N, C-alpha and C. Protein backbone atom coordinates (compact mmCIF):
# COMPACT_ATOMS: atom_id res chain seq x y z
N MET A 1 0.78 -1.82 -0.19
CA MET A 1 0.22 -0.22 0.02
C MET A 1 1.04 1.24 0.12
N THR A 2 0.28 2.89 -0.18
CA THR A 2 0.89 3.79 -0.61
C THR A 2 0.23 4.89 -0.50
N HIS A 3 0.47 5.65 -0.35
CA HIS A 3 -0.13 6.94 0.19
C HIS A 3 -1.36 6.40 1.30
N ARG A 4 -1.07 5.61 2.53
CA ARG A 4 -1.55 5.35 3.65
C ARG A 4 -2.20 6.46 4.67
N ARG A 5 -3.48 6.42 5.41
CA ARG A 5 -3.75 7.35 6.20
C ARG A 5 -4.11 7.10 7.50
N VAL A 6 -3.29 7.00 8.17
CA VAL A 6 -3.49 6.50 9.59
C VAL A 6 -3.24 7.54 11.31
N LEU A 7 -3.95 6.95 11.71
CA LEU A 7 -4.23 7.31 13.09
C LEU A 7 -3.83 6.87 13.92
N ILE A 8 -2.80 7.55 15.53
CA ILE A 8 -2.17 6.82 16.39
C ILE A 8 -3.33 7.39 17.75
N ALA A 9 -4.07 6.18 18.33
CA ALA A 9 -4.33 7.54 19.55
C ALA A 9 -3.44 7.12 20.82
N GLY A 10 -3.11 8.06 21.63
CA GLY A 10 -1.59 7.63 23.15
C GLY A 10 -0.22 7.91 22.05
N ALA A 11 0.01 8.41 21.17
CA ALA A 11 0.97 8.88 20.80
C ALA A 11 2.29 9.50 21.07
N THR A 12 1.56 10.43 22.88
CA THR A 12 2.34 10.74 23.36
C THR A 12 3.00 9.35 24.34
N GLY A 13 2.55 8.56 24.34
CA GLY A 13 2.80 7.43 25.17
C GLY A 13 4.23 6.53 25.12
N LEU A 14 4.86 5.41 25.91
CA LEU A 14 5.74 5.04 25.45
C LEU A 14 6.08 3.99 24.66
N VAL A 15 5.04 3.14 24.60
CA VAL A 15 4.92 2.72 23.04
C VAL A 15 4.17 3.77 21.40
N GLY A 16 3.22 4.36 21.70
CA GLY A 16 3.46 5.12 20.87
C GLY A 16 3.63 6.25 20.20
N SER A 17 4.86 6.35 20.81
CA SER A 17 5.59 7.44 20.05
C SER A 17 6.56 7.19 19.16
N HIS A 18 6.76 5.56 19.40
CA HIS A 18 7.69 5.15 18.98
C HIS A 18 7.10 4.40 17.71
N ILE A 19 6.06 4.10 17.82
CA ILE A 19 4.76 3.78 16.12
C ILE A 19 5.36 5.52 15.77
N LEU A 20 4.32 6.66 16.31
CA LEU A 20 4.75 7.97 15.56
C LEU A 20 6.37 8.01 14.86
N GLN A 21 7.04 7.56 15.41
CA GLN A 21 8.54 7.76 14.77
C GLN A 21 9.02 6.73 13.41
N ARG A 22 8.27 5.82 13.78
CA ARG A 22 8.51 4.63 12.80
C ARG A 22 7.60 4.85 11.18
N LEU A 23 6.65 5.65 11.49
CA LEU A 23 5.25 6.05 10.65
C LEU A 23 6.13 7.32 9.55
N LEU A 24 6.04 8.43 11.01
CA LEU A 24 7.18 9.22 10.08
C LEU A 24 8.03 9.31 9.64
N GLN A 25 8.84 8.17 9.37
CA GLN A 25 10.00 7.47 8.42
C GLN A 25 9.88 7.02 7.09
N ASP A 26 8.78 6.04 7.00
CA ASP A 26 7.82 5.44 6.60
C ASP A 26 7.31 6.03 5.36
N ASP A 27 7.94 5.93 3.57
CA ASP A 27 7.38 6.62 2.41
C ASP A 27 6.11 6.50 1.76
N THR A 28 5.53 5.08 2.14
CA THR A 28 4.13 4.92 2.36
C THR A 28 3.41 5.44 2.80
N VAL A 29 3.23 6.25 4.39
CA VAL A 29 2.47 6.45 5.14
C VAL A 29 2.44 8.07 4.09
N SER A 30 1.44 8.69 4.02
CA SER A 30 1.43 10.05 3.96
C SER A 30 0.33 11.31 4.68
N GLU A 31 -0.02 10.43 5.60
CA GLU A 31 -0.45 11.17 6.55
C GLU A 31 -1.10 10.50 8.16
N ILE A 32 -0.59 11.30 8.96
CA ILE A 32 -0.66 10.42 10.58
C ILE A 32 -1.36 11.57 11.42
N HIS A 33 -2.67 11.10 11.79
CA HIS A 33 -3.70 12.22 12.46
C HIS A 33 -3.38 11.79 13.82
N LEU A 34 -3.31 12.21 15.05
CA LEU A 34 -3.16 12.08 16.41
C LEU A 34 -4.36 12.77 17.10
N LEU A 35 -4.91 11.83 17.99
CA LEU A 35 -6.30 12.68 18.46
C LEU A 35 -4.85 12.63 19.75
N SER A 36 -5.44 13.59 20.74
CA SER A 36 -4.49 13.91 21.79
C SER A 36 -5.46 14.50 22.26
N ARG A 37 -5.33 14.35 23.38
CA ARG A 37 -6.10 15.95 24.91
C ARG A 37 -6.16 17.12 25.76
N ARG A 38 -4.46 16.85 24.95
CA ARG A 38 -4.16 18.04 25.09
C ARG A 38 -2.97 18.40 23.09
N ASP A 39 -2.59 19.83 23.08
CA ASP A 39 -1.79 20.09 22.80
C ASP A 39 -0.12 19.06 22.44
N LEU A 40 0.34 19.40 21.36
CA LEU A 40 1.66 18.03 21.21
C LEU A 40 2.19 19.26 19.87
N ALA A 41 3.92 19.87 21.13
CA ALA A 41 4.65 20.69 20.47
C ALA A 41 4.89 20.41 18.92
N ARG A 42 4.71 19.26 18.46
CA ARG A 42 5.78 18.32 17.03
C ARG A 42 5.32 18.90 16.04
N GLN A 43 5.83 19.12 15.14
CA GLN A 43 5.71 19.35 14.06
C GLN A 43 5.93 18.36 12.80
N HIS A 44 5.45 18.22 12.25
CA HIS A 44 5.63 17.15 10.16
C HIS A 44 5.15 17.64 9.19
N PRO A 45 5.41 17.58 8.18
CA PRO A 45 4.72 17.79 6.92
C PRO A 45 3.37 16.47 6.56
N LYS A 46 4.34 15.17 7.58
CA LYS A 46 2.24 14.69 7.94
C LYS A 46 1.92 14.61 8.74
N LEU A 47 1.65 14.93 9.69
CA LEU A 47 1.17 15.04 11.13
C LEU A 47 0.09 16.50 10.59
N HIS A 48 -1.27 15.58 11.88
CA HIS A 48 -2.23 16.47 12.17
C HIS A 48 -3.20 16.31 13.49
N LEU A 49 -2.63 17.29 14.31
CA LEU A 49 -3.13 16.80 15.22
C LEU A 49 -4.73 17.46 15.38
N HIS A 50 -5.31 16.10 15.92
CA HIS A 50 -6.62 16.77 16.52
C HIS A 50 -7.06 16.28 18.14
N GLN A 51 -7.00 17.54 19.03
CA GLN A 51 -7.11 17.60 20.13
C GLN A 51 -9.55 17.37 20.48
N VAL A 52 -8.83 16.30 21.75
CA VAL A 52 -10.47 15.99 21.24
C VAL A 52 -10.60 15.09 22.96
N ASP A 53 -11.86 15.40 23.48
CA ASP A 53 -12.63 14.60 23.89
C ASP A 53 -12.57 13.54 24.11
N PHE A 54 -12.06 12.47 25.02
CA PHE A 54 -12.50 10.99 24.26
C PHE A 54 -13.80 10.73 24.25
N LYS A 55 -14.11 10.93 24.94
CA LYS A 55 -16.20 10.71 25.39
C LYS A 55 -17.15 10.67 24.40
N GLN A 56 -16.66 12.42 23.55
CA GLN A 56 -17.17 12.59 22.45
C GLN A 56 -16.49 13.22 20.85
N LEU A 57 -15.54 12.09 20.56
CA LEU A 57 -15.22 12.21 19.67
C LEU A 57 -16.13 12.81 18.05
N PRO A 58 -14.73 14.15 17.83
CA PRO A 58 -15.85 14.15 16.36
C PRO A 58 -15.38 13.27 15.26
N PRO A 59 -16.23 13.34 13.78
CA PRO A 59 -16.13 13.26 12.48
C PRO A 59 -14.00 13.14 12.58
N LEU A 60 -13.71 12.17 11.85
CA LEU A 60 -12.90 11.48 11.63
C LEU A 60 -12.32 11.69 10.67
N PRO A 61 -11.32 11.95 9.31
CA PRO A 61 -11.48 12.22 8.39
C PRO A 61 -10.58 10.69 7.71
N PRO A 62 -10.82 10.55 6.31
CA PRO A 62 -10.50 9.04 5.47
C PRO A 62 -9.40 8.28 6.50
N LEU A 63 -9.30 7.44 6.76
CA LEU A 63 -8.25 6.43 6.91
C LEU A 63 -8.02 5.45 6.50
N ASP A 64 -6.83 4.76 6.55
CA ASP A 64 -6.76 3.27 6.01
C ASP A 64 -6.39 2.40 7.80
N GLU A 65 -5.39 2.56 8.43
CA GLU A 65 -4.97 1.65 9.49
C GLU A 65 -5.25 2.58 11.25
N ILE A 66 -5.27 2.23 12.00
CA ILE A 66 -5.74 2.58 13.17
C ILE A 66 -4.82 1.83 13.99
N TYR A 67 -3.36 2.91 15.02
CA TYR A 67 -3.18 2.37 16.03
C TYR A 67 -3.11 2.66 17.21
N LEU A 68 -3.78 1.73 18.51
CA LEU A 68 -3.99 2.01 19.83
C LEU A 68 -2.90 2.12 20.35
N ALA A 69 -2.94 2.77 21.22
CA ALA A 69 -1.94 2.60 22.37
C ALA A 69 -2.22 3.38 23.12
N LEU A 70 -3.56 4.11 23.79
CA LEU A 70 -3.92 4.83 24.61
C LEU A 70 -3.87 3.55 26.12
N GLY A 71 -3.23 4.21 26.94
CA GLY A 71 -3.78 3.10 28.33
C GLY A 71 -2.85 3.87 29.45
N THR A 72 -3.48 3.84 30.75
CA THR A 72 -2.89 4.11 32.01
C THR A 72 -2.59 3.39 32.95
N THR A 73 -2.72 3.76 34.33
CA THR A 73 -2.79 2.89 35.15
C THR A 73 -4.12 3.13 36.24
N ILE A 74 -3.88 2.23 37.56
CA ILE A 74 -5.64 3.01 37.83
C ILE A 74 -4.48 4.24 39.23
N LYS A 75 -3.33 4.09 39.93
CA LYS A 75 -3.06 5.19 39.77
C LYS A 75 -2.98 6.03 39.40
N GLN A 76 -2.53 6.84 38.01
CA GLN A 76 -2.92 7.43 37.71
C GLN A 76 -3.70 8.02 37.59
N ALA A 77 -4.58 7.05 36.58
CA ALA A 77 -6.15 7.47 36.87
C ALA A 77 -7.50 7.94 38.11
N GLY A 78 -6.77 7.69 38.62
CA GLY A 78 -7.39 7.98 39.83
C GLY A 78 -8.29 6.30 40.92
N SER A 79 -8.83 6.34 39.36
CA SER A 79 -10.05 4.93 40.35
C SER A 79 -9.43 4.15 38.60
N ARG A 80 -10.85 3.14 39.76
CA ARG A 80 -11.26 1.82 38.58
C ARG A 80 -11.76 2.47 37.19
N ALA A 81 -13.19 3.74 37.94
CA ALA A 81 -13.91 3.88 36.56
C ALA A 81 -12.69 5.03 36.05
N ALA A 82 -12.65 5.41 36.44
CA ALA A 82 -11.81 6.33 34.87
C ALA A 82 -10.32 5.79 34.73
N PHE A 83 -10.12 4.47 34.77
CA PHE A 83 -8.96 3.28 34.40
C PHE A 83 -9.59 3.08 33.49
N GLU A 84 -10.98 2.49 33.31
CA GLU A 84 -12.19 1.57 32.76
C GLU A 84 -11.97 2.44 31.11
N ALA A 85 -12.57 3.51 32.14
CA ALA A 85 -13.21 5.31 30.94
C ALA A 85 -11.74 4.97 30.25
N ILE A 86 -10.73 4.85 29.51
CA ILE A 86 -9.60 5.26 29.09
C ILE A 86 -8.96 3.81 28.47
N ASP A 87 -8.80 2.81 29.52
CA ASP A 87 -8.27 1.49 28.84
C ASP A 87 -9.49 1.10 27.83
N LEU A 88 -11.00 1.18 28.28
CA LEU A 88 -11.69 0.67 27.71
C LEU A 88 -12.51 1.51 26.87
N ASP A 89 -12.75 2.68 27.46
CA ASP A 89 -14.03 2.67 26.85
C ASP A 89 -13.10 3.78 25.57
N ALA A 90 -12.43 4.38 26.16
CA ALA A 90 -11.44 5.34 24.78
C ALA A 90 -11.52 4.54 24.08
N ASN A 91 -10.67 3.33 24.19
CA ASN A 91 -10.09 3.11 23.00
C ASN A 91 -10.88 2.06 21.95
N VAL A 92 -12.24 1.59 22.64
CA VAL A 92 -13.42 1.53 21.57
C VAL A 92 -14.24 2.26 20.73
N ALA A 93 -14.55 3.71 21.89
CA ALA A 93 -14.82 4.67 20.85
C ALA A 93 -13.76 5.30 19.50
N VAL A 94 -12.94 4.76 19.84
CA VAL A 94 -11.42 5.72 18.41
C VAL A 94 -11.51 4.09 17.29
N ALA A 95 -12.08 3.63 18.05
CA ALA A 95 -12.03 2.25 16.65
C ALA A 95 -13.16 2.07 16.39
N ASN A 96 -14.07 2.12 16.56
CA ASN A 96 -15.30 2.71 16.27
C ASN A 96 -15.57 3.68 15.62
N ALA A 97 -14.93 5.14 15.78
CA ALA A 97 -15.33 6.16 14.68
C ALA A 97 -13.77 5.76 13.32
N GLY A 98 -12.83 5.38 13.86
CA GLY A 98 -12.52 5.36 12.76
C GLY A 98 -12.62 4.38 11.45
N LEU A 99 -13.73 2.62 11.71
CA LEU A 99 -13.95 2.17 10.95
C LEU A 99 -15.22 3.07 9.98
N THR A 100 -15.96 3.76 11.00
CA THR A 100 -16.91 4.92 10.58
C THR A 100 -16.26 5.71 9.02
N ALA A 101 -14.76 6.00 9.26
CA ALA A 101 -14.11 6.70 8.78
C ALA A 101 -13.41 6.18 7.64
N GLY A 102 -13.82 4.65 7.43
CA GLY A 102 -12.82 3.87 6.42
C GLY A 102 -12.15 3.14 6.73
N ALA A 103 -11.32 3.17 7.63
CA ALA A 103 -10.45 2.52 8.08
C ALA A 103 -10.62 0.44 8.17
N LYS A 104 -9.67 -0.69 8.02
CA LYS A 104 -10.09 -1.21 7.19
C LYS A 104 -8.54 -1.98 8.22
N ARG A 105 -7.69 -1.45 8.70
CA ARG A 105 -6.67 -1.95 9.77
C ARG A 105 -6.17 -1.27 10.96
N LEU A 106 -6.32 -2.41 11.84
CA LEU A 106 -6.13 -1.47 13.63
C LEU A 106 -5.18 -2.16 14.48
N GLY A 107 -3.91 -2.42 15.01
CA GLY A 107 -3.24 -2.61 16.23
C GLY A 107 -3.67 -1.83 17.23
N LEU A 108 -3.64 -3.03 18.25
CA LEU A 108 -3.46 -2.77 19.07
C LEU A 108 -2.61 -2.40 20.62
N VAL A 109 -2.12 -2.03 20.94
CA VAL A 109 -1.53 -2.16 21.95
C VAL A 109 -1.95 -2.79 23.25
N SER A 110 -2.24 -4.38 23.83
CA SER A 110 -2.68 -4.78 24.78
C SER A 110 -1.43 -5.33 26.48
N ALA A 111 -1.48 -6.27 26.33
CA ALA A 111 -0.95 -6.63 28.09
C ALA A 111 -0.65 -8.06 28.05
N MET A 112 0.37 -8.50 28.10
CA MET A 112 0.39 -9.74 28.49
C MET A 112 -0.19 -10.97 29.24
N GLY A 113 -1.04 -10.31 29.63
CA GLY A 113 -2.35 -11.06 31.29
C GLY A 113 -3.37 -10.97 30.70
N ALA A 114 -3.99 -10.38 29.51
CA ALA A 114 -5.08 -9.63 28.69
C ALA A 114 -5.87 -11.50 28.64
N ASP A 115 -7.09 -10.93 29.83
CA ASP A 115 -7.90 -12.05 30.14
C ASP A 115 -9.30 -11.61 30.41
N VAL A 116 -10.65 -11.54 30.10
CA VAL A 116 -11.42 -11.38 29.84
C VAL A 116 -12.33 -11.77 31.07
N ASP A 117 -11.54 -13.29 31.52
CA ASP A 117 -11.95 -13.17 33.21
C ASP A 117 -10.91 -13.77 33.77
N SER A 118 -10.36 -12.87 33.72
CA SER A 118 -9.11 -13.04 34.58
C SER A 118 -9.12 -12.17 36.42
N MET A 119 -8.65 -12.25 37.14
CA MET A 119 -9.09 -12.22 38.53
C MET A 119 -8.61 -10.56 38.84
N LEU A 120 -7.40 -10.56 38.14
CA LEU A 120 -6.59 -9.05 38.10
C LEU A 120 -7.75 -8.00 36.90
N PHE A 121 -7.86 -6.78 37.72
CA PHE A 121 -8.69 -6.07 37.07
C PHE A 121 -8.10 -5.07 36.13
N TYR A 122 -7.03 -5.54 36.03
CA TYR A 122 -5.83 -5.06 35.50
C TYR A 122 -6.53 -5.45 33.70
N ASN A 123 -6.19 -7.04 33.88
CA ASN A 123 -5.76 -7.47 33.01
C ASN A 123 -6.99 -8.38 32.29
N ARG A 124 -8.13 -8.10 33.02
CA ARG A 124 -9.88 -8.68 32.82
C ARG A 124 -10.46 -7.46 32.20
N ILE A 125 -9.61 -6.12 31.83
CA ILE A 125 -9.72 -4.93 31.58
C ILE A 125 -9.28 -4.84 29.94
N LYS A 126 -8.12 -5.73 30.17
CA LYS A 126 -7.19 -5.59 28.54
C LYS A 126 -7.87 -6.71 27.65
N GLY A 127 -8.41 -7.89 28.62
CA GLY A 127 -9.03 -8.75 27.49
C GLY A 127 -10.79 -8.53 27.35
N GLU A 128 -11.44 -7.33 28.72
CA GLU A 128 -12.78 -7.03 27.31
C GLU A 128 -12.13 -5.80 26.09
N LEU A 129 -10.74 -5.38 26.24
CA LEU A 129 -11.12 -4.37 25.04
C LEU A 129 -10.53 -5.22 24.12
N GLU A 130 -9.86 -6.39 24.07
CA GLU A 130 -9.34 -7.30 22.83
C GLU A 130 -10.83 -7.76 22.68
N ALA A 131 -11.51 -8.19 22.97
CA ALA A 131 -12.54 -9.29 23.01
C ALA A 131 -13.07 -8.02 22.10
N GLU A 132 -14.04 -7.08 22.58
CA GLU A 132 -14.87 -5.84 21.84
C GLU A 132 -14.09 -5.14 20.53
N LEU A 133 -12.65 -5.64 20.60
CA LEU A 133 -12.57 -5.21 19.28
C LEU A 133 -12.20 -6.62 18.22
N SER A 134 -12.16 -7.31 18.42
CA SER A 134 -12.46 -8.53 17.84
C SER A 134 -13.99 -8.71 17.07
N THR A 135 -15.02 -7.82 18.05
CA THR A 135 -16.39 -8.25 17.11
C THR A 135 -16.50 -7.05 16.64
N LEU A 136 -15.89 -6.46 16.18
CA LEU A 136 -15.81 -5.00 15.16
C LEU A 136 -15.37 -5.53 13.80
N PRO A 137 -15.52 -5.36 12.25
CA PRO A 137 -15.67 -5.43 11.12
C PRO A 137 -14.29 -5.02 10.77
N PHE A 138 -13.31 -5.19 10.89
CA PHE A 138 -12.08 -4.91 10.65
C PHE A 138 -11.25 -6.06 9.54
N GLU A 139 -10.60 -5.62 8.83
CA GLU A 139 -9.85 -6.73 7.96
C GLU A 139 -8.76 -7.59 8.28
N THR A 140 -8.04 -6.16 9.36
CA THR A 140 -6.42 -6.97 10.09
C THR A 140 -6.67 -6.27 11.27
N LEU A 141 -6.51 -7.42 12.76
CA LEU A 141 -6.99 -6.66 13.73
C LEU A 141 -5.27 -7.81 14.20
N VAL A 142 -4.64 -6.83 14.28
CA VAL A 142 -3.42 -6.81 15.43
C VAL A 142 -3.40 -6.38 16.70
N ILE A 143 -3.07 -7.57 17.39
CA ILE A 143 -2.95 -7.27 18.78
C ILE A 143 -1.44 -7.95 19.06
N ALA A 144 -1.00 -6.97 20.16
CA ALA A 144 0.58 -6.61 21.12
C ALA A 144 0.57 -7.40 21.95
N ARG A 145 0.53 -8.29 22.69
CA ARG A 145 1.03 -8.36 24.24
C ARG A 145 1.88 -8.62 25.05
N PRO A 146 3.02 -7.06 24.77
CA PRO A 146 4.07 -7.13 25.69
C PRO A 146 3.66 -7.38 27.32
N SER A 147 4.67 -7.66 27.63
CA SER A 147 5.51 -8.27 29.25
C SER A 147 5.27 -6.81 30.12
N PHE A 148 6.20 -6.76 30.83
CA PHE A 148 6.73 -5.27 31.36
C PHE A 148 7.49 -4.46 30.52
N LEU A 149 7.45 -3.30 29.76
CA LEU A 149 7.82 -2.45 28.75
C LEU A 149 9.56 -1.47 29.40
N LEU A 150 10.11 -1.42 28.32
CA LEU A 150 11.37 -1.35 28.88
C LEU A 150 11.24 0.14 27.20
N GLY A 151 11.98 1.40 28.33
CA GLY A 151 11.87 2.43 27.40
C GLY A 151 12.56 3.41 28.04
N ASP A 152 12.41 4.98 26.94
CA ASP A 152 13.05 5.10 27.85
C ASP A 152 12.01 6.96 28.69
N ARG A 153 11.46 6.26 29.47
CA ARG A 153 10.48 7.57 30.40
C ARG A 153 10.48 8.72 30.36
N ASP A 154 11.67 8.64 30.62
CA ASP A 154 11.85 10.78 31.06
C ASP A 154 11.80 11.04 29.55
N ALA A 155 12.80 11.45 29.25
CA ALA A 155 12.45 11.73 27.52
C ALA A 155 11.09 12.30 27.09
N LEU A 156 9.86 11.38 27.64
CA LEU A 156 8.74 11.35 27.73
C LEU A 156 7.86 11.94 28.27
N LYS A 157 9.19 12.99 28.81
CA LYS A 157 8.42 13.66 30.95
C LYS A 157 7.64 12.71 31.65
N GLN A 158 7.78 11.08 31.81
CA GLN A 158 7.10 10.50 32.71
C GLN A 158 8.42 9.75 33.86
N PRO A 159 9.22 11.13 34.33
CA PRO A 159 10.19 10.44 35.57
C PRO A 159 9.48 8.36 36.30
N GLN A 160 10.51 8.34 36.26
CA GLN A 160 9.92 6.99 36.57
C GLN A 160 10.05 7.31 38.44
N ARG A 161 8.99 6.55 38.89
CA ARG A 161 8.86 6.77 40.38
C ARG A 161 10.10 4.91 40.79
N HIS A 162 10.47 5.08 42.05
CA HIS A 162 11.77 4.09 42.69
C HIS A 162 11.32 2.70 42.91
N ALA A 163 9.48 2.44 42.75
CA ALA A 163 9.19 0.98 42.31
C ALA A 163 9.55 0.47 40.81
N GLU A 164 9.20 1.83 40.21
CA GLU A 164 9.35 1.24 38.79
C GLU A 164 10.50 1.15 38.29
N LYS A 165 11.51 2.03 38.82
CA LYS A 165 13.62 1.64 38.38
C LYS A 165 13.49 0.44 39.51
N LEU A 166 12.95 -0.11 39.94
CA LEU A 166 13.43 -1.49 41.02
C LEU A 166 13.08 -2.74 40.06
N GLY A 167 11.58 -2.27 39.53
CA GLY A 167 10.95 -3.22 38.51
C GLY A 167 11.92 -3.92 37.86
N ILE A 168 12.40 -3.05 37.48
CA ILE A 168 13.46 -2.84 35.77
C ILE A 168 14.15 -3.42 36.24
N PHE A 169 15.66 -3.16 37.22
CA PHE A 169 16.47 -3.81 37.81
C PHE A 169 15.97 -5.61 38.11
N ILE A 170 14.66 -5.85 38.52
CA ILE A 170 14.61 -7.63 38.87
C ILE A 170 14.10 -8.04 37.81
N PHE A 171 13.13 -7.26 36.86
CA PHE A 171 12.68 -7.88 35.01
C PHE A 171 14.14 -8.15 34.46
N LYS A 172 15.43 -7.44 34.47
CA LYS A 172 16.55 -7.35 33.99
C LYS A 172 17.92 -8.74 34.31
N LEU A 173 17.33 -8.53 36.04
CA LEU A 173 18.33 -9.80 36.52
C LEU A 173 17.45 -10.39 36.62
N LEU A 174 16.58 -11.13 36.32
CA LEU A 174 15.75 -12.75 36.54
C LEU A 174 15.91 -12.68 34.84
N ALA A 175 16.00 -12.17 34.31
CA ALA A 175 15.35 -12.56 32.47
C ALA A 175 16.05 -13.55 32.37
N PRO A 176 17.34 -14.04 32.21
CA PRO A 176 17.66 -15.36 31.46
C PRO A 176 16.58 -16.80 32.68
N LEU A 177 16.21 -16.49 34.06
CA LEU A 177 15.70 -17.36 34.31
C LEU A 177 13.62 -17.43 33.96
N LEU A 178 13.97 -15.98 33.65
CA LEU A 178 12.10 -15.97 33.36
C LEU A 178 11.70 -16.75 32.05
N PRO A 179 10.05 -16.97 32.02
CA PRO A 179 9.56 -17.89 30.81
C PRO A 179 9.58 -16.59 29.92
N ILE A 180 10.01 -16.72 28.51
CA ILE A 180 9.88 -15.91 27.62
C ILE A 180 9.15 -14.63 27.56
N HIS A 181 8.33 -15.02 27.31
CA HIS A 181 6.84 -14.29 27.16
C HIS A 181 6.48 -13.52 28.95
N LEU A 182 7.27 -13.75 29.75
CA LEU A 182 7.81 -12.65 31.06
C LEU A 182 8.71 -11.82 30.91
N ARG A 183 9.51 -12.03 30.36
CA ARG A 183 10.59 -11.06 30.53
C ARG A 183 10.28 -9.76 29.90
N ALA A 184 11.03 -9.25 30.41
CA ALA A 184 10.86 -7.40 29.46
C ALA A 184 10.52 -7.26 28.64
N VAL A 185 10.50 -6.34 27.71
CA VAL A 185 10.81 -5.95 26.52
C VAL A 185 10.36 -4.81 26.16
N GLU A 186 11.71 -3.92 25.44
CA GLU A 186 11.77 -2.85 24.97
C GLU A 186 10.37 -2.27 24.24
N ALA A 187 9.42 -1.16 24.59
CA ALA A 187 8.97 -0.43 23.81
C ALA A 187 8.98 -0.77 22.05
N SER A 188 10.56 -0.01 22.11
CA SER A 188 10.55 0.17 20.40
C SER A 188 10.44 -0.73 19.61
N LYS A 189 9.97 -3.02 20.33
CA LYS A 189 10.16 -3.89 20.07
C LYS A 189 8.57 -3.97 19.44
N VAL A 190 7.63 -3.72 19.68
CA VAL A 190 6.32 -3.37 20.81
C VAL A 190 5.94 -3.09 19.81
N ALA A 191 6.75 -1.21 19.47
CA ALA A 191 5.58 -1.05 17.86
C ALA A 191 6.78 -1.08 16.58
N ALA A 192 7.77 -1.71 16.51
CA ALA A 192 8.03 -2.23 15.28
C ALA A 192 7.36 -3.58 14.39
N CYS A 193 6.90 -4.03 16.19
CA CYS A 193 5.52 -5.45 15.52
C CYS A 193 4.77 -4.55 15.23
N LEU A 194 3.76 -4.18 15.46
CA LEU A 194 2.46 -3.79 15.24
C LEU A 194 3.10 -2.84 13.74
N VAL A 195 3.46 -2.11 13.43
CA VAL A 195 3.77 -1.06 11.92
C VAL A 195 4.28 -2.25 11.24
N THR A 196 4.64 -3.01 11.75
CA THR A 196 5.26 -4.44 10.17
C THR A 196 4.10 -5.28 9.94
N HIS A 197 3.46 -5.67 11.05
CA HIS A 197 2.15 -6.38 10.71
C HIS A 197 0.64 -6.05 10.64
N VAL A 198 0.30 -4.60 10.70
CA VAL A 198 -0.55 -3.99 10.17
C VAL A 198 -1.11 -3.89 9.21
N PRO A 199 -0.06 -3.76 8.69
CA PRO A 199 -0.09 -3.34 7.23
C PRO A 199 -0.59 -4.58 5.93
N ALA A 200 0.66 -6.05 6.80
CA ALA A 200 1.43 -6.55 6.11
C ALA A 200 0.05 -7.91 5.85
N VAL A 201 -0.94 -8.02 7.03
CA VAL A 201 -1.51 -9.45 7.42
C VAL A 201 -2.75 -9.74 6.89
N SER A 202 -3.41 -10.43 7.35
CA SER A 202 -4.89 -10.47 7.34
C SER A 202 -5.84 -10.81 8.30
N GLY A 203 -7.03 -10.38 8.41
CA GLY A 203 -7.02 -11.85 10.05
C GLY A 203 -7.28 -10.88 10.57
N GLU A 204 -7.23 -11.81 12.66
CA GLU A 204 -7.03 -11.02 13.49
C GLU A 204 -5.40 -11.85 14.01
N LYS A 205 -4.39 -11.66 14.35
CA LYS A 205 -2.95 -12.04 15.26
C LYS A 205 -3.05 -11.29 16.60
N VAL A 206 -2.57 -12.41 16.85
CA VAL A 206 -2.02 -12.05 18.34
C VAL A 206 -0.50 -12.05 18.90
N ILE A 207 -0.40 -11.77 19.58
CA ILE A 207 1.99 -11.42 18.86
C ILE A 207 2.06 -11.36 20.82
N LEU A 208 2.14 -12.08 21.20
CA LEU A 208 2.93 -12.54 22.48
C LEU A 208 4.32 -12.31 22.82
N SER A 209 4.85 -11.49 24.31
CA SER A 209 5.44 -10.98 24.38
C SER A 209 6.66 -11.46 24.49
N GLY A 210 7.28 -12.92 24.20
CA GLY A 210 8.26 -13.21 23.45
C GLY A 210 8.62 -12.99 21.83
N GLU A 211 7.38 -12.89 21.79
CA GLU A 211 7.65 -13.13 19.71
C GLU A 211 7.97 -11.60 20.11
N LEU A 212 7.46 -10.79 20.55
CA LEU A 212 8.36 -9.67 20.38
C LEU A 212 9.01 -8.95 20.46
N GLN A 213 10.26 -10.07 21.20
CA GLN A 213 11.37 -9.78 21.15
C GLN A 213 12.84 -9.42 19.86
N ASN A 214 11.36 -10.46 18.74
CA ASN A 214 12.28 -10.67 17.57
C ASN A 214 11.96 -9.64 16.54
N ASP A 215 11.57 -8.54 17.04
CA ASP A 215 11.00 -7.18 16.31
C ASP A 215 12.26 -6.34 16.93
N GLY A 216 11.98 -5.24 15.55
CA GLY A 216 12.83 -3.88 16.04
C GLY A 216 14.33 -4.39 15.45
């Protein structure tokens, strides 16, 4: 495909920022539409910023592909309800709006433990999101399920808390002993996987964390 028109929701995040960078460098991509709640300083001839309220999305421009990298934590969101509004409701709203705009392909940043029957709230919401998206009539749905994400959060003005730094240290230290799907994975590899597979595959494809290690 050439002259691909793509949409990214969550381009300021750890994986989303890498998705954006790769698509900016892709000569087959002619338009990149970003959905964000706040203004972004970055400028590029391909870029089109849309400041939106995810609860009331406006009609979107014509699209071919969607990349969903919206996500937060319960602590950042402030409550379970607020977390669900972002990680589930906002993502589903973008997917539906993208379908109306003509998008036929979608890539999702999910999580390794995603499961609609999980006893863990976070994993259950991720599983519900995957299930919702699977019911929509996309020609392509690529779901990446990373484990613990590694990357430069400081560059995104998302300084790591002490517990996060400790978690990264432990994940790296124990990596040789952990099953491959539980090992920490670079955010850049998750992005590389999605931007490679979304334009290339048909149907639904789930890529587990260990498989993401081979991309990028």
